[in-house]
N, C-alpha and C. Protein backbone atom coordinates (compact mmCIF):
# COMPACT_ATOMS: atom_id res chain seq x y z
N UNK A 1 -89.76 118.02 116.79
CA UNK A 1 -90.69 117.79 115.70
C UNK A 1 -91.54 116.55 115.97
N UNK A 2 -90.92 115.52 116.53
CA UNK A 2 -91.67 114.30 116.82
C UNK A 2 -92.79 114.57 117.81
N UNK A 3 -92.52 115.40 118.82
CA UNK A 3 -93.54 115.74 119.80
C UNK A 3 -94.73 116.41 119.12
N UNK A 4 -94.47 117.34 118.20
CA UNK A 4 -95.54 118.03 117.51
C UNK A 4 -96.36 117.06 116.66
N UNK A 5 -95.71 116.11 116.02
CA UNK A 5 -96.43 115.13 115.20
C UNK A 5 -97.33 114.28 116.08
N UNK A 6 -96.83 113.84 117.24
CA UNK A 6 -97.66 113.05 118.15
C UNK A 6 -98.82 113.87 118.69
N UNK A 7 -98.56 115.12 119.00
CA UNK A 7 -99.60 116.00 119.52
C UNK A 7 -100.68 116.23 118.47
N UNK A 8 -100.28 116.42 117.22
CA UNK A 8 -101.23 116.60 116.13
C UNK A 8 -102.07 115.34 115.95
N UNK A 9 -101.42 114.19 116.01
CA UNK A 9 -102.13 112.93 115.83
C UNK A 9 -103.20 112.76 116.92
N UNK A 10 -102.88 113.12 118.16
CA UNK A 10 -103.84 113.00 119.26
C UNK A 10 -105.04 113.91 119.03
N UNK A 11 -104.79 115.13 118.50
CA UNK A 11 -105.89 116.08 118.31
C UNK A 11 -106.80 115.66 117.16
N UNK A 12 -106.34 114.78 116.31
CA UNK A 12 -107.14 114.35 115.18
C UNK A 12 -108.10 113.21 115.54
N UNK A 13 -108.03 112.70 116.76
CA UNK A 13 -108.91 111.61 117.16
C UNK A 13 -110.36 112.10 117.23
N UNK A 14 -111.28 111.23 116.87
CA UNK A 14 -112.70 111.54 117.00
C UNK A 14 -113.30 110.66 118.09
N UNK A 15 -114.37 111.12 118.70
CA UNK A 15 -115.03 110.39 119.78
C UNK A 15 -116.34 109.80 119.30
N UNK A 16 -116.65 108.63 119.80
CA UNK A 16 -117.91 107.95 119.51
C UNK A 16 -118.26 107.08 120.70
N UNK A 17 -119.44 106.51 120.68
CA UNK A 17 -119.87 105.62 121.76
C UNK A 17 -119.91 104.19 121.25
N UNK A 18 -119.34 103.29 122.04
CA UNK A 18 -119.38 101.86 121.72
C UNK A 18 -119.92 101.15 122.96
N UNK A 19 -121.09 100.55 122.82
CA UNK A 19 -121.75 99.86 123.94
C UNK A 19 -121.83 100.77 125.16
N UNK A 20 -122.14 102.05 124.93
CA UNK A 20 -122.34 103.01 126.01
C UNK A 20 -121.08 103.65 126.55
N UNK A 21 -119.91 103.26 126.06
CA UNK A 21 -118.64 103.83 126.53
C UNK A 21 -118.04 104.72 125.45
N UNK A 22 -117.44 105.83 125.86
CA UNK A 22 -116.78 106.72 124.91
C UNK A 22 -115.47 106.09 124.45
N UNK A 23 -115.28 106.03 123.16
CA UNK A 23 -114.05 105.51 122.54
C UNK A 23 -113.55 106.54 121.55
N UNK A 24 -112.31 106.36 121.13
CA UNK A 24 -111.73 107.27 120.14
C UNK A 24 -111.06 106.49 119.03
N UNK A 25 -111.02 107.10 117.86
CA UNK A 25 -110.31 106.52 116.73
C UNK A 25 -109.91 107.64 115.79
N UNK A 26 -109.13 107.31 114.80
CA UNK A 26 -108.71 108.28 113.79
C UNK A 26 -109.86 108.55 112.82
N UNK A 27 -109.92 109.76 112.28
CA UNK A 27 -110.93 110.04 111.26
C UNK A 27 -110.75 109.10 110.06
N UNK A 28 -111.82 108.82 109.38
CA UNK A 28 -111.83 107.99 108.18
C UNK A 28 -111.54 106.51 108.45
N UNK A 29 -111.67 106.09 109.72
CA UNK A 29 -111.48 104.67 110.05
C UNK A 29 -112.71 103.90 109.59
N UNK A 30 -112.50 102.84 108.86
CA UNK A 30 -113.61 102.01 108.39
C UNK A 30 -114.03 101.07 109.51
N UNK A 31 -115.31 100.72 109.51
CA UNK A 31 -115.88 99.92 110.58
C UNK A 31 -115.10 98.62 110.85
N UNK A 32 -114.76 97.80 109.85
CA UNK A 32 -114.03 96.57 110.15
C UNK A 32 -112.68 96.83 110.83
N UNK A 33 -112.00 97.90 110.42
CA UNK A 33 -110.72 98.25 111.03
C UNK A 33 -110.91 98.67 112.48
N UNK A 34 -111.97 99.44 112.74
CA UNK A 34 -112.24 99.88 114.10
C UNK A 34 -112.56 98.68 115.00
N UNK A 35 -113.35 97.75 114.51
CA UNK A 35 -113.66 96.56 115.31
C UNK A 35 -112.39 95.79 115.64
N UNK A 36 -111.47 95.69 114.69
CA UNK A 36 -110.20 95.01 114.96
C UNK A 36 -109.38 95.78 115.98
N UNK A 37 -109.41 97.11 115.93
CA UNK A 37 -108.70 97.93 116.92
C UNK A 37 -109.24 97.67 118.33
N UNK A 38 -110.52 97.35 118.41
CA UNK A 38 -111.14 97.04 119.71
C UNK A 38 -110.84 95.60 120.15
N UNK A 39 -110.15 94.85 119.29
CA UNK A 39 -109.83 93.46 119.62
C UNK A 39 -110.93 92.49 119.28
N UNK A 40 -111.86 92.91 118.43
CA UNK A 40 -112.98 92.06 118.05
C UNK A 40 -112.74 91.46 116.67
N UNK A 41 -113.22 90.26 116.47
CA UNK A 41 -113.18 89.62 115.16
C UNK A 41 -114.43 90.06 114.40
N UNK A 42 -114.28 90.86 113.34
CA UNK A 42 -115.46 91.35 112.61
C UNK A 42 -116.39 90.24 112.11
N UNK A 43 -115.87 89.04 111.94
CA UNK A 43 -116.72 87.93 111.46
C UNK A 43 -117.61 87.37 112.58
N UNK A 44 -117.33 87.76 113.83
CA UNK A 44 -118.03 87.17 114.96
C UNK A 44 -118.89 88.17 115.73
N UNK A 45 -119.24 89.28 115.09
CA UNK A 45 -120.05 90.29 115.77
C UNK A 45 -121.19 90.76 114.88
N UNK A 46 -122.20 91.31 115.52
CA UNK A 46 -123.28 92.03 114.85
C UNK A 46 -123.19 93.47 115.32
N UNK A 47 -123.52 94.41 114.44
CA UNK A 47 -123.34 95.83 114.76
C UNK A 47 -124.64 96.60 114.53
N UNK A 48 -125.01 97.37 115.56
CA UNK A 48 -126.06 98.37 115.42
C UNK A 48 -125.35 99.71 115.31
N UNK A 49 -125.62 100.42 114.23
CA UNK A 49 -124.92 101.68 113.92
C UNK A 49 -125.94 102.81 113.97
N UNK A 50 -125.80 103.67 114.96
CA UNK A 50 -126.71 104.80 115.15
C UNK A 50 -128.17 104.35 115.17
N UNK A 51 -128.43 103.27 115.89
CA UNK A 51 -129.80 102.81 116.10
C UNK A 51 -130.35 101.86 115.06
N UNK A 52 -129.58 101.54 114.04
CA UNK A 52 -130.02 100.63 112.98
C UNK A 52 -129.05 99.46 112.85
N UNK A 53 -129.59 98.25 112.66
CA UNK A 53 -128.72 97.11 112.38
C UNK A 53 -128.04 97.37 111.05
N UNK A 54 -126.71 97.27 111.04
CA UNK A 54 -125.95 97.52 109.82
C UNK A 54 -125.55 96.19 109.21
N UNK A 55 -126.09 95.90 108.04
CA UNK A 55 -125.77 94.65 107.36
C UNK A 55 -124.31 94.62 106.96
N UNK A 56 -123.73 93.47 107.09
CA UNK A 56 -122.30 93.26 106.85
C UNK A 56 -121.84 93.77 105.48
N UNK A 57 -122.70 93.71 104.48
CA UNK A 57 -122.32 94.14 103.12
C UNK A 57 -121.96 95.63 103.07
N UNK A 58 -122.41 96.41 104.07
CA UNK A 58 -122.14 97.85 104.09
C UNK A 58 -120.96 98.22 104.98
N UNK A 59 -120.41 97.28 105.72
CA UNK A 59 -119.36 97.59 106.69
C UNK A 59 -118.14 98.22 106.05
N UNK A 60 -117.67 97.66 104.96
CA UNK A 60 -116.41 98.12 104.36
C UNK A 60 -116.50 99.57 103.90
N UNK A 61 -117.69 100.04 103.55
CA UNK A 61 -117.88 101.42 103.09
C UNK A 61 -118.32 102.36 104.20
N UNK A 62 -118.41 101.86 105.43
CA UNK A 62 -118.86 102.68 106.55
C UNK A 62 -117.66 103.25 107.29
N UNK A 63 -117.53 104.58 107.28
CA UNK A 63 -116.47 105.26 108.01
C UNK A 63 -117.04 105.78 109.32
N UNK A 64 -116.26 105.59 110.39
CA UNK A 64 -116.66 106.09 111.70
C UNK A 64 -116.61 107.61 111.68
N UNK A 65 -117.68 108.24 112.23
CA UNK A 65 -117.78 109.69 112.27
C UNK A 65 -117.93 110.14 113.72
N UNK A 66 -117.54 111.38 114.02
CA UNK A 66 -117.69 111.88 115.39
C UNK A 66 -119.14 111.76 115.86
N UNK A 67 -119.31 111.25 117.08
CA UNK A 67 -120.64 111.15 117.66
C UNK A 67 -121.41 109.89 117.29
N UNK A 68 -120.84 109.03 116.45
CA UNK A 68 -121.52 107.78 116.11
C UNK A 68 -121.79 106.97 117.37
N UNK A 69 -122.85 106.17 117.33
CA UNK A 69 -123.20 105.27 118.43
C UNK A 69 -123.24 103.85 117.89
N UNK A 70 -122.37 103.01 118.41
CA UNK A 70 -122.32 101.61 118.01
C UNK A 70 -122.72 100.72 119.17
N UNK A 71 -123.49 99.71 118.88
CA UNK A 71 -123.73 98.61 119.82
C UNK A 71 -123.17 97.39 119.11
N UNK A 72 -122.21 96.74 119.73
CA UNK A 72 -121.55 95.59 119.14
C UNK A 72 -121.83 94.38 120.01
N UNK A 73 -122.38 93.34 119.37
CA UNK A 73 -122.75 92.12 120.08
C UNK A 73 -121.95 90.96 119.50
N UNK A 74 -121.32 90.20 120.37
CA UNK A 74 -120.55 89.03 119.94
C UNK A 74 -121.49 87.88 119.66
N UNK A 75 -121.27 87.21 118.54
CA UNK A 75 -122.07 86.04 118.16
C UNK A 75 -121.45 84.82 118.81
N UNK A 76 -122.27 84.07 119.54
CA UNK A 76 -121.78 82.86 120.21
C UNK A 76 -122.51 81.66 119.63
N UNK A 77 -121.75 80.69 119.14
CA UNK A 77 -122.36 79.46 118.60
C UNK A 77 -122.55 78.44 119.70
N UNK A 78 -123.32 77.48 119.41
CA UNK A 78 -123.56 76.40 120.38
C UNK A 78 -124.96 75.86 120.24
N UNK A 79 -125.27 74.93 121.11
CA UNK A 79 -126.61 74.36 120.98
C UNK A 79 -127.10 73.77 122.24
């Protein structure tokens, strides 16, 4: 039974592009959660979502969908 559950979980993954590379995540994953799964600090990045800059106020309500295209840029401070 455990094997079937793992197999089902794998088949539920969706594919998207992140900085030109194919990545996968679970359906209904919210953008901040996905960024954390990638090892990124959501407070330190800017995101282009399907060709448009996505303002941070909309991130929490943005669910990753199959075929989405993200460009994620790390913000670097300094002077």
